[in-house]
């Protein structure tokens, strides 16, 4: 007696007991959509570097908030703090190692960020390294930052 007819019958019986098909894997985001999301984030950082508080704030939704390491800031508070920092110096960020996904009008990315603070008239400090994640929402065809989480990974004791 050959075992395959019995195995085939068992497989068909098990398949018949399923009431739904297995979920299809999520398609990968087209590279142009992921690139748009990442470009939005770069514009946000560029606005901060150029001390452009209007463009910086415009890229955040009204409901935006950030977990900056151990502190939570809403949009108005973060925008105010960043604008106040413009009088003291410039923060330059290098963003890399993006892992971006897009699903409809929502996107998220995780990446690394190396920031260097240069006080006005001073020399650049040591890079501060972060692991960061951002959630974006597309509104009227444009991407905006909605949620942000940043964790410092090379903190010096006492900072």
N, C-alpha and C. Protein backbone atom coordinates (compact mmCIF):
# COMPACT_ATOMS: atom_id res chain seq x y z
N UNK A 1 0.84 -1.17 0.00
CA UNK A 1 0.00 0.00 0.00
C UNK A 1 0.89 1.24 0.00
N UNK A 2 0.58 2.16 -0.88
CA UNK A 2 1.34 3.40 -0.97
C UNK A 2 0.76 4.42 0.00
N UNK A 3 1.64 5.15 0.77
CA UNK A 3 1.14 6.09 1.77
C UNK A 3 0.64 7.40 1.19
N UNK A 4 1.05 7.78 -0.01
CA UNK A 4 0.70 9.12 -0.48
C UNK A 4 -0.79 9.34 -0.64
N UNK A 5 -1.66 8.36 -1.06
CA UNK A 5 -3.09 8.67 -1.13
C UNK A 5 -3.66 9.03 0.25
N UNK A 6 -3.18 8.37 1.30
CA UNK A 6 -3.68 8.68 2.64
C UNK A 6 -3.22 10.07 3.07
N UNK A 7 -1.97 10.40 2.76
CA UNK A 7 -1.46 11.72 3.11
C UNK A 7 -2.20 12.82 2.34
N UNK A 8 -2.49 12.55 1.07
CA UNK A 8 -3.22 13.52 0.26
C UNK A 8 -4.62 13.72 0.83
N UNK A 9 -5.27 12.65 1.21
CA UNK A 9 -6.62 12.75 1.80
C UNK A 9 -6.58 13.54 3.10
N UNK A 10 -5.57 13.31 3.93
CA UNK A 10 -5.45 14.04 5.19
C UNK A 10 -5.21 15.53 4.93
N UNK A 11 -4.34 15.85 3.97
CA UNK A 11 -4.06 17.24 3.65
C UNK A 11 -5.30 17.95 3.13
N UNK A 12 -6.08 17.27 2.28
CA UNK A 12 -7.30 17.87 1.77
C UNK A 12 -8.34 18.06 2.88
N UNK A 13 -8.41 17.12 3.80
CA UNK A 13 -9.35 17.24 4.91
C UNK A 13 -8.98 18.42 5.81
N UNK A 14 -7.69 18.56 6.10
CA UNK A 14 -7.24 19.67 6.93
C UNK A 14 -7.50 20.99 6.22
N UNK A 15 -7.20 21.06 4.93
CA UNK A 15 -7.42 22.28 4.17
C UNK A 15 -8.90 22.65 4.14
N UNK A 16 -9.78 21.67 4.08
CA UNK A 16 -11.21 21.92 4.06
C UNK A 16 -11.73 22.46 5.38
N UNK A 17 -11.00 22.24 6.48
CA UNK A 17 -11.43 22.72 7.79
C UNK A 17 -11.12 24.20 7.98
N UNK A 18 -10.29 24.75 7.16
CA UNK A 18 -9.93 26.16 7.31
C UNK A 18 -11.05 27.01 6.77
N UNK A 19 -11.44 28.03 7.53
CA UNK A 19 -12.53 28.87 7.07
C UNK A 19 -12.02 30.12 6.37
N UNK A 20 -10.73 30.42 6.44
CA UNK A 20 -10.18 31.56 5.73
C UNK A 20 -8.83 31.19 5.15
N UNK A 21 -8.47 31.91 4.13
CA UNK A 21 -7.16 31.71 3.53
C UNK A 21 -6.10 32.37 4.41
N UNK A 22 -4.88 31.89 4.34
CA UNK A 22 -3.83 32.55 5.14
C UNK A 22 -3.64 33.98 4.66
N UNK A 23 -3.27 34.88 5.56
CA UNK A 23 -3.09 36.26 5.13
C UNK A 23 -1.91 36.37 4.17
N UNK A 24 -2.10 37.23 3.19
CA UNK A 24 -1.03 37.46 2.23
C UNK A 24 0.05 38.31 2.90
N UNK A 25 1.29 38.06 2.58
CA UNK A 25 2.34 38.90 3.16
C UNK A 25 2.18 40.34 2.70
N UNK A 26 2.53 41.28 3.57
CA UNK A 26 2.45 42.69 3.21
C UNK A 26 3.47 42.99 2.12
N UNK A 27 3.03 43.67 1.09
CA UNK A 27 4.00 44.00 0.05
C UNK A 27 4.98 45.03 0.58
N UNK A 28 6.18 44.99 0.07
CA UNK A 28 7.19 45.98 0.46
C UNK A 28 6.78 47.32 -0.12
N UNK A 29 7.09 48.38 0.59
CA UNK A 29 6.76 49.72 0.12
C UNK A 29 7.54 50.02 -1.16
N UNK A 30 6.86 50.59 -2.15
CA UNK A 30 7.62 50.99 -3.33
C UNK A 30 8.71 51.96 -2.89
N UNK A 31 9.86 51.84 -3.51
CA UNK A 31 11.00 52.63 -3.07
C UNK A 31 10.73 54.12 -3.14
N UNK A 32 9.87 54.56 -4.08
CA UNK A 32 9.60 56.00 -4.17
C UNK A 32 8.82 56.48 -2.96
N UNK A 33 7.88 55.68 -2.43
CA UNK A 33 7.14 56.09 -1.23
C UNK A 33 8.05 56.12 -0.01
N UNK A 34 8.88 55.10 0.14
CA UNK A 34 9.81 55.08 1.27
C UNK A 34 10.78 56.26 1.16
N UNK A 35 11.22 56.56 -0.04
CA UNK A 35 12.12 57.70 -0.25
C UNK A 35 11.45 59.02 0.10
N UNK A 36 10.15 59.15 -0.21
CA UNK A 36 9.40 60.36 0.14
C UNK A 36 9.35 60.54 1.66
N UNK A 37 9.10 59.45 2.37
CA UNK A 37 9.04 59.51 3.82
C UNK A 37 10.40 59.94 4.38
N UNK A 38 11.45 59.32 3.92
CA UNK A 38 12.80 59.65 4.39
C UNK A 38 13.17 61.09 4.03
N UNK A 39 12.73 61.56 2.86
CA UNK A 39 13.00 62.95 2.45
C UNK A 39 12.29 63.93 3.38
N UNK A 40 11.10 63.58 3.83
CA UNK A 40 10.38 64.43 4.79
C UNK A 40 11.19 64.57 6.07
N UNK A 41 11.70 63.46 6.55
CA UNK A 41 12.50 63.49 7.77
C UNK A 41 13.77 64.32 7.57
N UNK A 42 14.41 64.17 6.42
CA UNK A 42 15.63 64.96 6.15
C UNK A 42 15.31 66.45 6.07
N UNK A 43 14.15 66.80 5.48
CA UNK A 43 13.74 68.22 5.43
C UNK A 43 13.54 68.77 6.84
N UNK A 44 13.00 67.94 7.73
CA UNK A 44 12.77 68.36 9.11
C UNK A 44 14.11 68.67 9.79
N UNK A 45 15.07 67.76 9.63
CA UNK A 45 16.40 67.98 10.21
C UNK A 45 17.11 69.15 9.53
N UNK A 46 16.95 69.29 8.21
CA UNK A 46 17.57 70.41 7.50
C UNK A 46 17.01 71.74 7.99
N UNK A 47 15.70 71.79 8.24
CA UNK A 47 15.09 73.03 8.74
C UNK A 47 15.69 73.41 10.09
N UNK A 48 15.90 72.43 10.95
CA UNK A 48 16.53 72.72 12.24
C UNK A 48 17.95 73.22 12.06
N UNK A 49 18.70 72.56 11.18
CA UNK A 49 20.09 72.97 10.96
C UNK A 49 20.17 74.39 10.38
N UNK A 50 19.19 74.76 9.54
CA UNK A 50 19.17 76.09 8.92
C UNK A 50 18.47 77.12 9.80
N UNK A 51 18.06 76.71 11.01
CA UNK A 51 17.36 77.59 11.95
C UNK A 51 16.06 78.13 11.36
N UNK A 52 15.36 77.29 10.62
CA UNK A 52 14.09 77.63 9.98
C UNK A 52 12.96 77.05 10.83
N UNK A 53 12.54 77.80 11.85
CA UNK A 53 11.54 77.28 12.79
C UNK A 53 10.17 77.08 12.14
N UNK A 54 9.83 77.87 11.13
CA UNK A 54 8.52 77.72 10.47
C UNK A 54 8.46 76.38 9.74
N UNK A 55 9.45 76.09 8.89
CA UNK A 55 9.46 74.82 8.16
C UNK A 55 9.55 73.64 9.11
N UNK A 56 10.33 73.79 10.17
CA UNK A 56 10.47 72.72 11.17
C UNK A 56 9.11 72.36 11.76
N UNK A 57 8.36 73.36 12.20
CA UNK A 57 7.06 73.11 12.83
C UNK A 57 6.02 72.62 11.82
N UNK A 58 6.08 73.09 10.59
CA UNK A 58 5.08 72.70 9.58
C UNK A 58 5.13 71.22 9.24
N UNK A 59 6.26 70.55 9.46
CA UNK A 59 6.37 69.14 9.11
C UNK A 59 5.84 68.20 10.19
N UNK A 60 5.38 68.76 11.31
CA UNK A 60 4.81 67.96 12.40
C UNK A 60 3.29 68.17 12.43
N UNK A 61 2.56 67.06 12.60
CA UNK A 61 1.11 67.17 12.78
C UNK A 61 0.82 67.83 14.13
N UNK A 62 -0.37 68.42 14.29
CA UNK A 62 -0.72 69.03 15.58
C UNK A 62 -0.65 68.03 16.74
N UNK A 63 -0.90 66.75 16.44
CA UNK A 63 -0.89 65.71 17.48
C UNK A 63 0.50 65.13 17.75
N UNK A 64 1.52 65.67 17.09
CA UNK A 64 2.88 65.16 17.22
C UNK A 64 3.34 65.15 18.68
N UNK A 65 4.08 64.10 19.03
CA UNK A 65 4.87 64.13 20.26
C UNK A 65 6.09 63.24 20.08
N UNK A 66 7.09 63.50 20.91
CA UNK A 66 8.35 62.78 20.84
C UNK A 66 8.72 62.25 22.21
N UNK A 67 9.19 61.02 22.23
CA UNK A 67 9.86 60.48 23.41
C UNK A 67 11.34 60.71 23.15
N UNK A 68 11.89 61.74 23.72
CA UNK A 68 13.31 62.06 23.56
C UNK A 68 14.04 61.44 24.73
N UNK A 69 14.50 60.22 24.50
CA UNK A 69 15.18 59.44 25.52
C UNK A 69 14.22 59.19 26.68
N UNK A 70 14.22 59.99 27.72
CA UNK A 70 13.36 59.72 28.88
C UNK A 70 12.33 60.81 29.10
N UNK A 71 12.18 61.73 28.15
CA UNK A 71 11.27 62.86 28.30
C UNK A 71 10.30 62.91 27.14
N UNK A 72 9.06 63.32 27.41
CA UNK A 72 8.05 63.46 26.37
C UNK A 72 7.84 64.95 26.11
N UNK A 73 7.88 65.32 24.82
CA UNK A 73 7.61 66.70 24.42
C UNK A 73 6.49 66.69 23.38
N UNK A 74 5.53 67.61 23.50
CA UNK A 74 4.53 67.77 22.45
C UNK A 74 5.09 68.73 21.39
N UNK A 75 4.34 68.91 20.32
CA UNK A 75 4.81 69.74 19.21
C UNK A 75 5.16 71.17 19.64
N UNK A 76 4.26 71.88 20.35
CA UNK A 76 4.62 73.26 20.72
C UNK A 76 5.87 73.35 21.59
N UNK A 77 6.02 72.42 22.52
CA UNK A 77 7.18 72.45 23.41
C UNK A 77 8.46 72.17 22.64
N UNK A 78 8.44 71.14 21.80
CA UNK A 78 9.65 70.81 21.03
C UNK A 78 10.01 71.96 20.09
N UNK A 79 9.02 72.51 19.38
CA UNK A 79 9.30 73.61 18.45
C UNK A 79 9.90 74.80 19.20
N UNK A 80 9.40 75.10 20.37
CA UNK A 80 9.93 76.22 21.17
C UNK A 80 11.37 75.94 21.60
N UNK A 81 11.62 74.74 22.12
CA UNK A 81 12.97 74.40 22.59
C UNK A 81 13.99 74.42 21.46
N UNK A 82 13.61 73.88 20.31
CA UNK A 82 14.53 73.88 19.17
C UNK A 82 14.79 75.31 18.71
N UNK A 83 13.75 76.14 18.63
CA UNK A 83 13.93 77.54 18.22
C UNK A 83 14.82 78.29 19.21
N UNK A 84 14.65 78.05 20.49
CA UNK A 84 15.51 78.69 21.50
C UNK A 84 16.97 78.25 21.32
N UNK A 85 17.17 77.02 20.92
CA UNK A 85 18.52 76.51 20.70
C UNK A 85 19.22 77.18 19.54
N UNK A 86 18.46 77.74 18.59
CA UNK A 86 19.06 78.41 17.43
C UNK A 86 19.97 79.56 17.87
N UNK A 87 19.65 80.21 18.98
CA UNK A 87 20.46 81.34 19.44
C UNK A 87 21.78 80.89 20.04
N UNK A 88 21.90 79.59 20.32
CA UNK A 88 23.09 79.08 21.01
C UNK A 88 24.06 78.33 20.10
N UNK A 89 23.56 77.82 18.97
CA UNK A 89 24.45 77.07 18.08
C UNK A 89 23.67 76.28 17.05
N UNK A 90 24.34 75.31 16.45
CA UNK A 90 23.76 74.52 15.36
C UNK A 90 23.99 73.04 15.62
N UNK A 91 22.93 72.27 15.42
CA UNK A 91 23.00 70.83 15.53
C UNK A 91 22.95 70.25 14.12
N UNK A 92 23.96 69.46 13.76
CA UNK A 92 23.99 68.80 12.45
C UNK A 92 23.81 67.31 12.64
N UNK A 93 22.91 66.75 11.85
CA UNK A 93 22.59 65.33 11.97
C UNK A 93 22.99 64.56 10.73
N UNK A 94 23.48 63.37 10.96
CA UNK A 94 23.75 62.42 9.88
C UNK A 94 22.81 61.25 10.10
N UNK A 95 21.87 61.08 9.18
CA UNK A 95 20.85 60.03 9.27
C UNK A 95 21.24 58.89 8.33
N UNK A 96 21.15 57.65 8.83
CA UNK A 96 21.55 56.52 7.99
C UNK A 96 20.94 55.22 8.51
N UNK A 97 21.11 54.17 7.75
CA UNK A 97 20.63 52.83 8.08
C UNK A 97 19.10 52.80 8.25
N UNK A 98 18.41 53.41 7.28
CA UNK A 98 16.95 53.46 7.33
C UNK A 98 16.32 52.09 7.10
N UNK A 99 15.25 51.85 7.83
CA UNK A 99 14.39 50.68 7.63
C UNK A 99 12.97 51.24 7.59
N UNK A 100 12.48 51.49 6.39
CA UNK A 100 11.23 52.23 6.19
C UNK A 100 10.17 51.32 5.59
N UNK A 101 8.96 51.43 6.12
CA UNK A 101 7.80 50.70 5.61
C UNK A 101 6.66 51.70 5.40
N UNK A 102 5.89 51.47 4.33
CA UNK A 102 4.73 52.31 4.04
C UNK A 102 3.52 51.40 3.89
N UNK A 103 2.42 51.78 4.52
CA UNK A 103 1.17 51.04 4.40
C UNK A 103 0.04 52.05 4.26
N UNK A 104 -0.37 52.29 3.04
CA UNK A 104 -1.41 53.29 2.79
C UNK A 104 -0.91 54.68 3.15
N UNK A 105 -1.65 55.34 4.04
CA UNK A 105 -1.29 56.70 4.44
C UNK A 105 -0.52 56.76 5.75
N UNK A 106 0.04 55.62 6.16
CA UNK A 106 0.86 55.56 7.37
C UNK A 106 2.21 54.95 6.98
N UNK A 107 3.26 55.49 7.58
CA UNK A 107 4.60 54.96 7.33
C UNK A 107 5.38 55.02 8.63
N UNK A 108 6.40 54.19 8.71
CA UNK A 108 7.27 54.22 9.88
C UNK A 108 8.67 53.88 9.42
N UNK A 109 9.61 54.43 10.13
CA UNK A 109 11.00 54.15 9.83
C UNK A 109 11.80 54.09 11.11
N UNK A 110 12.83 53.30 11.09
CA UNK A 110 13.82 53.25 12.16
C UNK A 110 15.17 53.51 11.51
N UNK A 111 16.05 54.19 12.22
CA UNK A 111 17.32 54.59 11.63
C UNK A 111 18.29 54.99 12.73
N UNK A 112 19.49 55.29 12.31
CA UNK A 112 20.53 55.79 13.21
C UNK A 112 20.75 57.27 12.91
N UNK A 113 21.09 58.01 13.95
CA UNK A 113 21.30 59.44 13.83
C UNK A 113 22.53 59.82 14.65
N UNK A 114 23.52 60.39 13.99
CA UNK A 114 24.70 60.92 14.67
C UNK A 114 24.59 62.44 14.63
N UNK A 115 24.48 63.06 15.80
CA UNK A 115 24.33 64.51 15.89
C UNK A 115 25.59 65.14 16.46
N UNK A 116 25.94 66.28 15.88
CA UNK A 116 27.09 67.05 16.37
C UNK A 116 26.61 68.47 16.66
N UNK A 117 26.73 68.90 17.90
CA UNK A 117 26.36 70.24 18.32
C UNK A 117 27.59 71.14 18.24
N UNK A 118 27.41 72.30 17.58
CA UNK A 118 28.47 73.29 17.50
C UNK A 118 27.94 74.59 18.09
N UNK A 119 28.45 74.98 19.25
CA UNK A 119 28.00 76.25 19.83
C UNK A 119 28.48 77.42 18.97
N UNK A 120 27.70 78.50 18.96
CA UNK A 120 28.11 79.68 18.20
C UNK A 120 29.51 80.11 18.64
N UNK A 121 30.39 80.26 17.67
CA UNK A 121 31.75 80.69 17.95
C UNK A 121 32.62 79.60 18.57
N UNK A 122 32.11 78.37 18.67
CA UNK A 122 32.87 77.30 19.30
C UNK A 122 33.25 76.21 18.33
N UNK A 123 33.79 75.16 18.87
CA UNK A 123 34.18 74.02 18.05
C UNK A 123 33.14 72.90 18.20
N UNK A 124 33.01 72.08 17.17
CA UNK A 124 32.03 70.98 17.24
C UNK A 124 32.32 70.04 18.39
N UNK A 125 31.26 69.56 19.02
CA UNK A 125 31.39 68.58 20.09
C UNK A 125 31.51 67.18 19.53
N UNK A 126 31.64 66.23 20.43
CA UNK A 126 31.69 64.82 20.03
C UNK A 126 30.30 64.40 19.53
N UNK A 127 30.25 63.50 18.55
CA UNK A 127 28.94 63.04 18.07
C UNK A 127 28.14 62.37 19.18
N UNK A 128 26.86 62.68 19.20
CA UNK A 128 25.91 61.97 20.06
C UNK A 128 25.17 61.00 19.14
N UNK A 129 25.12 59.74 19.51
CA UNK A 129 24.51 58.73 18.65
C UNK A 129 23.16 58.31 19.20
N UNK A 130 22.20 58.15 18.27
CA UNK A 130 20.84 57.80 18.65
C UNK A 130 20.33 56.67 17.77
N UNK A 131 19.45 55.86 18.32
CA UNK A 131 18.57 54.96 17.57
C UNK A 131 17.21 55.62 17.62
N UNK A 132 16.58 55.79 16.45
CA UNK A 132 15.34 56.54 16.40
C UNK A 132 14.30 55.83 15.54
N UNK A 133 13.04 56.09 15.88
CA UNK A 133 11.91 55.58 15.10
C UNK A 133 10.89 56.69 14.96
N UNK A 134 10.28 56.77 13.78
CA UNK A 134 9.29 57.81 13.52
C UNK A 134 8.08 57.18 12.84
N UNK A 135 6.90 57.65 13.23
CA UNK A 135 5.66 57.29 12.55
C UNK A 135 5.20 58.53 11.78
N UNK A 136 4.84 58.33 10.53
CA UNK A 136 4.39 59.41 9.66
C UNK A 136 2.94 59.15 9.25
N UNK A 137 2.24 60.23 8.92
CA UNK A 137 0.91 60.11 8.35
C UNK A 137 0.85 61.02 7.12
N UNK A 138 0.26 60.47 6.04
CA UNK A 138 0.10 61.24 4.81
C UNK A 138 -1.25 61.95 4.87
N UNK A 139 -1.22 63.25 4.70
CA UNK A 139 -2.44 64.07 4.70
C UNK A 139 -2.42 64.90 3.43
N UNK A 140 -3.47 64.77 2.64
CA UNK A 140 -3.56 65.51 1.38
C UNK A 140 -2.31 65.33 0.52
N UNK A 141 -1.79 64.11 0.50
CA UNK A 141 -0.65 63.78 -0.36
C UNK A 141 0.72 64.12 0.20
N UNK A 142 0.78 64.71 1.41
CA UNK A 142 2.07 65.09 2.01
C UNK A 142 2.29 64.29 3.28
N UNK A 143 3.56 63.93 3.51
CA UNK A 143 3.93 63.19 4.71
C UNK A 143 4.25 64.16 5.85
N UNK A 144 3.77 63.81 7.06
CA UNK A 144 4.03 64.60 8.26
C UNK A 144 4.48 63.67 9.38
N UNK A 145 5.30 64.19 10.27
CA UNK A 145 5.72 63.43 11.45
C UNK A 145 4.58 63.44 12.46
N UNK A 146 4.31 62.26 13.03
CA UNK A 146 3.25 62.16 14.03
C UNK A 146 3.79 61.68 15.38
N UNK A 147 4.65 60.68 15.38
CA UNK A 147 5.22 60.14 16.62
C UNK A 147 6.71 59.94 16.40
N UNK A 148 7.47 60.14 17.48
CA UNK A 148 8.92 60.04 17.37
C UNK A 148 9.47 59.43 18.65
N UNK A 149 10.48 58.60 18.49
CA UNK A 149 11.16 58.04 19.66
C UNK A 149 12.65 58.04 19.38
N UNK A 150 13.42 58.61 20.31
CA UNK A 150 14.88 58.67 20.17
C UNK A 150 15.52 58.14 21.44
N UNK A 151 16.49 57.26 21.27
CA UNK A 151 17.23 56.71 22.40
C UNK A 151 18.71 56.96 22.18
N UNK A 152 19.33 57.62 23.12
CA UNK A 152 20.77 57.89 23.06
C UNK A 152 21.52 56.59 23.34
N UNK A 153 22.53 56.29 22.51
CA UNK A 153 23.24 55.02 22.70
C UNK A 153 24.68 55.18 23.14
N UNK A 154 25.19 56.40 23.22
CA UNK A 154 26.57 56.56 23.69
C UNK A 154 26.64 57.63 24.79
N UNK A 155 25.68 57.60 25.66
CA UNK A 155 25.62 58.61 26.72
C UNK A 155 26.84 58.52 27.63
N UNK A 156 27.40 59.67 27.90
CA UNK A 156 28.52 59.78 28.83
C UNK A 156 27.93 59.94 30.23
N UNK A 157 28.45 59.23 31.23
CA UNK A 157 27.91 59.39 32.58
C UNK A 157 27.89 60.87 33.01
N UNK A 158 26.78 61.26 33.58
CA UNK A 158 26.61 62.63 34.03
C UNK A 158 25.92 63.54 33.03
N UNK A 159 25.68 63.06 31.81
CA UNK A 159 24.98 63.89 30.81
C UNK A 159 23.49 63.80 30.97
